[in-house]
Amino acid sequence: MPTKDELLYQIAELKSDYIRQQGDIEKLESTGYPELIEKAEQRLSDMEKQLAELNNQLKAYES
C-alpha cells in the first residue's frame, strides 16, 4: 500500500489530469468531434473511479 504522501501526490496529479481532460472535451465540443468526445468522457469516468479508489485508500490512513 502506498504511503499517505504518495496517495496525496497521486490524487493531486489525477485531479490536474482531470481538469486538463475537461478542457480538452470543451475544445472538442466546439470543433465537433463526437467520437473523440465519447472517448474523452470515458477517460473522465475512469479517472473518477481511480480517484474514488485513491480516496478510499487515503481514508484508511485517517481511520
PDB file of N, CA and C in Angstrom:
ATOM      1  N   MET A   1       0.844  -1.183   0.000  1.00  0.00           N
ATOM      2  CA  MET A   1       0.000   0.000   0.000  1.00  0.00           C
ATOM      3  C   MET A   1       0.889   1.246   0.000  1.00  0.00           C
ATOM      4  N   PRO A   2       0.536   2.216  -0.836  1.00  0.00           N
ATOM      5  CA  PRO A   2       1.343   3.446  -0.893  1.00  0.00           C
ATOM      6  C   PRO A   2       1.259   4.222   0.414  1.00  0.00           C
ATOM      7  N   THR A   3       2.245   5.065   0.633  1.00  0.00           N
ATOM      8  CA  THR A   3       2.227   5.914   1.827  1.00  0.00           C
ATOM      9  C   THR A   3       1.174   7.010   1.648  1.00  0.00           C
ATOM     10  N   LYS A   4       0.865   7.675   2.737  1.00  0.00           N
ATOM     11  CA  LYS A   4      -0.131   8.754   2.695  1.00  0.00           C
ATOM     12  C   LYS A   4       0.336   9.863   1.740  1.00  0.00           C
ATOM     13  N   ASP A   5       1.608  10.212   1.807  1.00  0.00           N
ATOM     14  CA  ASP A   5       2.144  11.258   0.925  1.00  0.00           C
ATOM     15  C   ASP A   5       2.057  10.838  -0.544  1.00  0.00           C
ATOM     16  N   GLU A   6       2.330   9.584  -0.823  1.00  0.00           N
ATOM     17  CA  GLU A   6       2.222   9.087  -2.199  1.00  0.00           C
ATOM     18  C   GLU A   6       0.776   9.165  -2.693  1.00  0.00           C
ATOM     19  N   LEU A   7      -0.149   8.812  -1.831  1.00  0.00           N
ATOM     20  CA  LEU A   7      -1.564   8.890  -2.196  1.00  0.00           C
ATOM     21  C   LEU A   7      -1.975  10.337  -2.470  1.00  0.00           C
ATOM     22  N   LEU A   8      -1.556  11.245  -1.608  1.00  0.00           N
ATOM     23  CA  LEU A   8      -1.886  12.657  -1.805  1.00  0.00           C
ATOM     24  C   LEU A   8      -1.313  13.185  -3.115  1.00  0.00           C
ATOM     25  N   TYR A   9      -0.112  12.764  -3.436  1.00  0.00           N
ATOM     26  CA  TYR A   9       0.513  13.174  -4.695  1.00  0.00           C
ATOM     27  C   TYR A   9      -0.265  12.607  -5.884  1.00  0.00           C
ATOM     28  N   GLN A  10      -0.623  11.322  -5.820  1.00  0.00           N
ATOM     29  CA  GLN A  10      -1.373  10.696  -6.906  1.00  0.00           C
ATOM     30  C   GLN A  10      -2.731  11.367  -7.089  1.00  0.00           C
ATOM     31  N   ILE A  11      -3.386  11.710  -5.992  1.00  0.00           N
ATOM     32  CA  ILE A  11      -4.685  12.382  -6.059  1.00  0.00           C
ATOM     33  C   ILE A  11      -4.530  13.756  -6.712  1.00  0.00           C
ATOM     34  N   ALA A  12      -3.538  14.513  -6.307  1.00  0.00           N
ATOM     35  CA  ALA A  12      -3.312  15.845  -6.879  1.00  0.00           C
ATOM     36  C   ALA A  12      -3.011  15.750  -8.372  1.00  0.00           C
ATOM     37  N   GLU A  13      -2.191  14.791  -8.739  1.00  0.00           N
ATOM     38  CA  GLU A  13      -1.843  14.594 -10.147  1.00  0.00           C
ATOM     39  C   GLU A  13      -3.077  14.205 -10.962  1.00  0.00           C
ATOM     40  N   LEU A  14      -3.884  13.321 -10.423  1.00  0.00           N
ATOM     41  CA  LEU A  14      -5.089  12.867 -11.109  1.00  0.00           C
ATOM     42  C   LEU A  14      -6.091  14.008 -11.264  1.00  0.00           C
ATOM     43  N   LYS A  15      -6.223  14.838 -10.234  1.00  0.00           N
ATOM     44  CA  LYS A  15      -7.122  15.986 -10.323  1.00  0.00           C
ATOM     45  C   LYS A  15      -6.661  16.937 -11.416  1.00  0.00           C
ATOM     46  N   SER A  16      -5.370  17.152 -11.509  1.00  0.00           N
ATOM     47  CA  SER A  16      -4.815  18.020 -12.547  1.00  0.00           C
ATOM     48  C   SER A  16      -5.106  17.452 -13.938  1.00  0.00           C
ATOM     49  N   ASP A  17      -4.895  16.158 -14.096  1.00  0.00           N
ATOM     50  CA  ASP A  17      -5.188  15.499 -15.370  1.00  0.00           C
ATOM     51  C   ASP A  17      -6.678  15.593 -15.701  1.00  0.00           C
ATOM     52  N   TYR A  18      -7.514  15.469 -14.686  1.00  0.00           N
ATOM     53  CA  TYR A  18      -8.969  15.525 -14.866  1.00  0.00           C
ATOM     54  C   TYR A  18      -9.382  16.899 -15.393  1.00  0.00           C
ATOM     55  N   ILE A  19      -8.844  17.941 -14.791  1.00  0.00           N
ATOM     56  CA  ILE A  19      -9.157  19.301 -15.223  1.00  0.00           C
ATOM     57  C   ILE A  19      -8.690  19.531 -16.659  1.00  0.00           C
ATOM     58  N   ARG A  20      -7.511  19.040 -16.975  1.00  0.00           N
ATOM     59  CA  ARG A  20      -6.975  19.165 -18.331  1.00  0.00           C
ATOM     60  C   ARG A  20      -7.874  18.439 -19.328  1.00  0.00           C
ATOM     61  N   GLN A  21      -8.337  17.254 -18.941  1.00  0.00           N
ATOM     62  CA  GLN A  21      -9.217  16.461 -19.808  1.00  0.00           C
ATOM     63  C   GLN A  21     -10.544  17.183 -20.038  1.00  0.00           C
ATOM     64  N   GLN A  22     -11.064  17.829 -18.998  1.00  0.00           N
ATOM     65  CA  GLN A  22     -12.303  18.586 -19.155  1.00  0.00           C
ATOM     66  C   GLN A  22     -12.120  19.720 -20.173  1.00  0.00           C
ATOM     67  N   GLY A  23     -10.983  20.386 -20.113  1.00  0.00           N
ATOM     68  CA  GLY A  23     -10.680  21.445 -21.077  1.00  0.00           C
ATOM     69  C   GLY A  23     -10.596  20.903 -22.490  1.00  0.00           C
ATOM     70  N   ASP A  24      -9.995  19.722 -22.630  1.00  0.00           N
ATOM     71  CA  ASP A  24      -9.904  19.090 -23.949  1.00  0.00           C
ATOM     72  C   ASP A  24     -11.290  18.771 -24.491  1.00  0.00           C
ATOM     73  N   ILE A  25     -12.180  18.316 -23.627  1.00  0.00           N
ATOM     74  CA  ILE A  25     -13.545  17.994 -24.055  1.00  0.00           C
ATOM     75  C   ILE A  25     -14.253  19.251 -24.541  1.00  0.00           C
ATOM     76  N   GLU A  26     -14.075  20.345 -23.816  1.00  0.00           N
ATOM     77  CA  GLU A  26     -14.698  21.602 -24.227  1.00  0.00           C
ATOM     78  C   GLU A  26     -14.206  22.021 -25.618  1.00  0.00           C
ATOM     79  N   LYS A  27     -12.925  21.861 -25.861  1.00  0.00           N
ATOM     80  CA  LYS A  27     -12.375  22.197 -27.185  1.00  0.00           C
ATOM     81  C   LYS A  27     -12.962  21.286 -28.254  1.00  0.00           C
ATOM     82  N   LEU A  28     -13.063  19.993 -27.947  1.00  0.00           N
ATOM     83  CA  LEU A  28     -13.626  19.052 -28.914  1.00  0.00           C
ATOM     84  C   LEU A  28     -15.089  19.364 -29.205  1.00  0.00           C
ATOM     85  N   GLU A  29     -15.824  19.755 -28.177  1.00  0.00           N
ATOM     86  CA  GLU A  29     -17.235  20.094 -28.370  1.00  0.00           C
ATOM     87  C   GLU A  29     -17.385  21.296 -29.300  1.00  0.00           C
ATOM     88  N   SER A  30     -16.494  22.244 -29.172  1.00  0.00           N
ATOM     89  CA  SER A  30     -16.593  23.444 -30.004  1.00  0.00           C
ATOM     90  C   SER A  30     -16.162  23.184 -31.444  1.00  0.00           C
ATOM     91  N   THR A  31     -15.367  22.147 -31.660  1.00  0.00           N
ATOM     92  CA  THR A  31     -14.918  21.833 -33.017  1.00  0.00           C
ATOM     93  C   THR A  31     -15.709  20.691 -33.648  1.00  0.00           C
ATOM     94  N   GLY A  32     -16.500  19.983 -32.843  1.00  0.00           N
ATOM     95  CA  GLY A  32     -17.404  18.971 -33.384  1.00  0.00           C
ATOM     96  C   GLY A  32     -16.780  17.626 -33.719  1.00  0.00           C
ATOM     97  N   TYR A  33     -16.221  16.960 -32.756  1.00  0.00           N
ATOM     98  CA  TYR A  33     -15.670  15.612 -32.929  1.00  0.00           C
ATOM     99  C   TYR A  33     -16.337  14.659 -31.946  1.00  0.00           C
ATOM    100  N   PRO A  34     -17.575  14.214 -32.230  1.00  0.00           N
ATOM    101  CA  PRO A  34     -18.331  13.405 -31.261  1.00  0.00           C
ATOM    102  C   PRO A  34     -17.650  12.093 -30.863  1.00  0.00           C
ATOM    103  N   GLU A  35     -16.953  11.449 -31.781  1.00  0.00           N
ATOM    104  CA  GLU A  35     -16.301  10.179 -31.432  1.00  0.00           C
ATOM    105  C   GLU A  35     -15.147  10.401 -30.459  1.00  0.00           C
ATOM    106  N   LEU A  36     -14.451  11.513 -30.611  1.00  0.00           N
ATOM    107  CA  LEU A  36     -13.360  11.822 -29.684  1.00  0.00           C
ATOM    108  C   LEU A  36     -13.899  12.277 -28.331  1.00  0.00           C
ATOM    109  N   ILE A  37     -15.027  12.974 -28.357  1.00  0.00           N
ATOM    110  CA  ILE A  37     -15.654  13.418 -27.111  1.00  0.00           C
ATOM    111  C   ILE A  37     -16.060  12.212 -26.280  1.00  0.00           C
ATOM    112  N   GLU A  38     -16.632  11.216 -26.936  1.00  0.00           N
ATOM    113  CA  GLU A  38     -17.060   9.999 -26.232  1.00  0.00           C
ATOM    114  C   GLU A  38     -15.882   9.311 -25.555  1.00  0.00           C
ATOM    115  N   LYS A  39     -14.768   9.204 -26.261  1.00  0.00           N
ATOM    116  CA  LYS A  39     -13.571   8.576 -25.681  1.00  0.00           C
ATOM    117  C   LYS A  39     -13.036   9.398 -24.517  1.00  0.00           C
ATOM    118  N   ALA A  40     -13.045  10.714 -24.676  1.00  0.00           N
ATOM    119  CA  ALA A  40     -12.546  11.590 -23.619  1.00  0.00           C
ATOM    120  C   ALA A  40     -13.439  11.512 -22.381  1.00  0.00           C
ATOM    121  N   GLU A  41     -14.742  11.430 -22.594  1.00  0.00           N
ATOM    122  CA  GLU A  41     -15.664  11.301 -21.461  1.00  0.00           C
ATOM    123  C   GLU A  41     -15.467   9.964 -20.741  1.00  0.00           C
ATOM    124  N   GLN A  42     -15.132   8.926 -21.498  1.00  0.00           N
ATOM    125  CA  GLN A  42     -14.853   7.628 -20.877  1.00  0.00           C
ATOM    126  C   GLN A  42     -13.591   7.715 -20.013  1.00  0.00           C
ATOM    127  N   ARG A  43     -12.594   8.459 -20.504  1.00  0.00           N
ATOM    128  CA  ARG A  43     -11.373   8.650 -19.702  1.00  0.00           C
ATOM    129  C   ARG A  43     -11.695   9.401 -18.404  1.00  0.00           C
ATOM    130  N   LEU A  44     -12.600  10.395 -18.491  1.00  0.00           N
ATOM    131  CA  LEU A  44     -13.015  11.102 -17.276  1.00  0.00           C
ATOM    132  C   LEU A  44     -13.667  10.141 -16.291  1.00  0.00           C
ATOM    133  N   SER A  45     -14.518   9.281 -16.799  1.00  0.00           N
ATOM    134  CA  SER A  45     -15.183   8.296 -15.947  1.00  0.00           C
ATOM    135  C   SER A  45     -14.162   7.382 -15.282  1.00  0.00           C
ATOM    136  N   ASP A  46     -13.179   6.942 -16.048  1.00  0.00           N
ATOM    137  CA  ASP A  46     -12.122   6.087 -15.497  1.00  0.00           C
ATOM    138  C   ASP A  46     -11.329   6.828 -14.418  1.00  0.00           C
ATOM    139  N   MET A  47     -11.065   8.109 -14.659  1.00  0.00           N
ATOM    140  CA  MET A  47     -10.338   8.910 -13.671  1.00  0.00           C
ATOM    141  C   MET A  47     -11.152   9.059 -12.390  1.00  0.00           C
ATOM    142  N   GLU A  48     -12.459   9.237 -12.529  1.00  0.00           N
ATOM    143  CA  GLU A  48     -13.322   9.359 -11.356  1.00  0.00           C
ATOM    144  C   GLU A  48     -13.275   8.090 -10.514  1.00  0.00           C
ATOM    145  N   LYS A  49     -13.287   6.936 -11.175  1.00  0.00           N
ATOM    146  CA  LYS A  49     -13.210   5.663 -10.456  1.00  0.00           C
ATOM    147  C   LYS A  49     -11.866   5.532  -9.746  1.00  0.00           C
ATOM    148  N   GLN A  50     -10.801   5.911 -10.444  1.00  0.00           N
ATOM    149  CA  GLN A  50      -9.473   5.827  -9.849  1.00  0.00           C
ATOM    150  C   GLN A  50      -9.350   6.784  -8.666  1.00  0.00           C
ATOM    151  N   LEU A  51      -9.918   7.985  -8.808  1.00  0.00           N
ATOM    152  CA  LEU A  51      -9.883   8.951  -7.730  1.00  0.00           C
ATOM    153  C   LEU A  51     -10.643   8.442  -6.504  1.00  0.00           C
ATOM    154  N   ALA A  52     -11.791   7.823  -6.729  1.00  0.00           N
ATOM    155  CA  ALA A  52     -12.560   7.255  -5.626  1.00  0.00           C
ATOM    156  C   ALA A  52     -11.751   6.172  -4.911  1.00  0.00           C
ATOM    157  N   GLU A  53     -11.059   5.350  -5.671  1.00  0.00           N
ATOM    158  CA  GLU A  53     -10.240   4.287  -5.090  1.00  0.00           C
ATOM    159  C   GLU A  53      -9.097   4.873  -4.255  1.00  0.00           C
ATOM    160  N   LEU A  54      -8.445   5.903  -4.783  1.00  0.00           N
ATOM    161  CA  LEU A  54      -7.348   6.536  -4.042  1.00  0.00           C
ATOM    162  C   LEU A  54      -7.866   7.197  -2.765  1.00  0.00           C
ATOM    163  N   ASN A  55      -9.023   7.836  -2.847  1.00  0.00           N
ATOM    164  CA  ASN A  55      -9.602   8.464  -1.662  1.00  0.00           C
ATOM    165  C   ASN A  55      -9.969   7.424  -0.608  1.00  0.00           C
ATOM    166  N   ASN A  56     -10.442   6.268  -1.038  1.00  0.00           N
ATOM    167  CA  ASN A  56     -10.739   5.189  -0.090  1.00  0.00           C
ATOM    168  C   ASN A  56      -9.469   4.715   0.607  1.00  0.00           C
ATOM    169  N   GLN A  57      -8.395   4.607  -0.148  1.00  0.00           N
ATOM    170  CA  GLN A  57      -7.106   4.209   0.438  1.00  0.00           C
ATOM    171  C   GLN A  57      -6.638   5.261   1.439  1.00  0.00           C
ATOM    172  N   LEU A  58      -6.849   6.539   1.086  1.00  0.00           N
ATOM    173  CA  LEU A  58      -6.443   7.617   1.976  1.00  0.00           C
ATOM    174  C   LEU A  58      -7.243   7.591   3.279  1.00  0.00           C
ATOM    175  N   LYS A  59      -8.510   7.241   3.194  1.00  0.00           N
ATOM    176  CA  LYS A  59      -9.350   7.148   4.392  1.00  0.00           C
ATOM    177  C   LYS A  59      -8.813   6.109   5.370  1.00  0.00           C
ATOM    178  N   ALA A  60      -8.176   5.068   4.840  1.00  0.00           N
ATOM    179  CA  ALA A  60      -7.610   4.034   5.694  1.00  0.00           C
ATOM    180  C   ALA A  60      -6.538   4.618   6.608  1.00  0.00           C
ATOM    181  N   TYR A  61      -5.822   5.650   6.127  1.00  0.00           N
ATOM    182  CA  TYR A  61      -4.802   6.299   6.959  1.00  0.00           C
ATOM    183  C   TYR A  61      -5.432   7.197   8.017  1.00  0.00           C
ATOM    184  N   GLU A  62      -6.596   7.723   7.707  1.00  0.00           N
ATOM    185  CA  GLU A  62      -7.244   8.663   8.612  1.00  0.00           C
ATOM    186  C   GLU A  62      -8.105   7.964   9.662  1.00  0.00           C
ATOM    187  N   SER A  63      -8.323   6.681   9.494  1.00  0.00           N
ATOM    188  CA  SER A  63      -9.168   5.944  10.454  1.00  0.00           C
ATOM    189  C   SER A  63      -8.384   5.560  11.694  1.00  0.00           C
TER     190      SER A  63
END
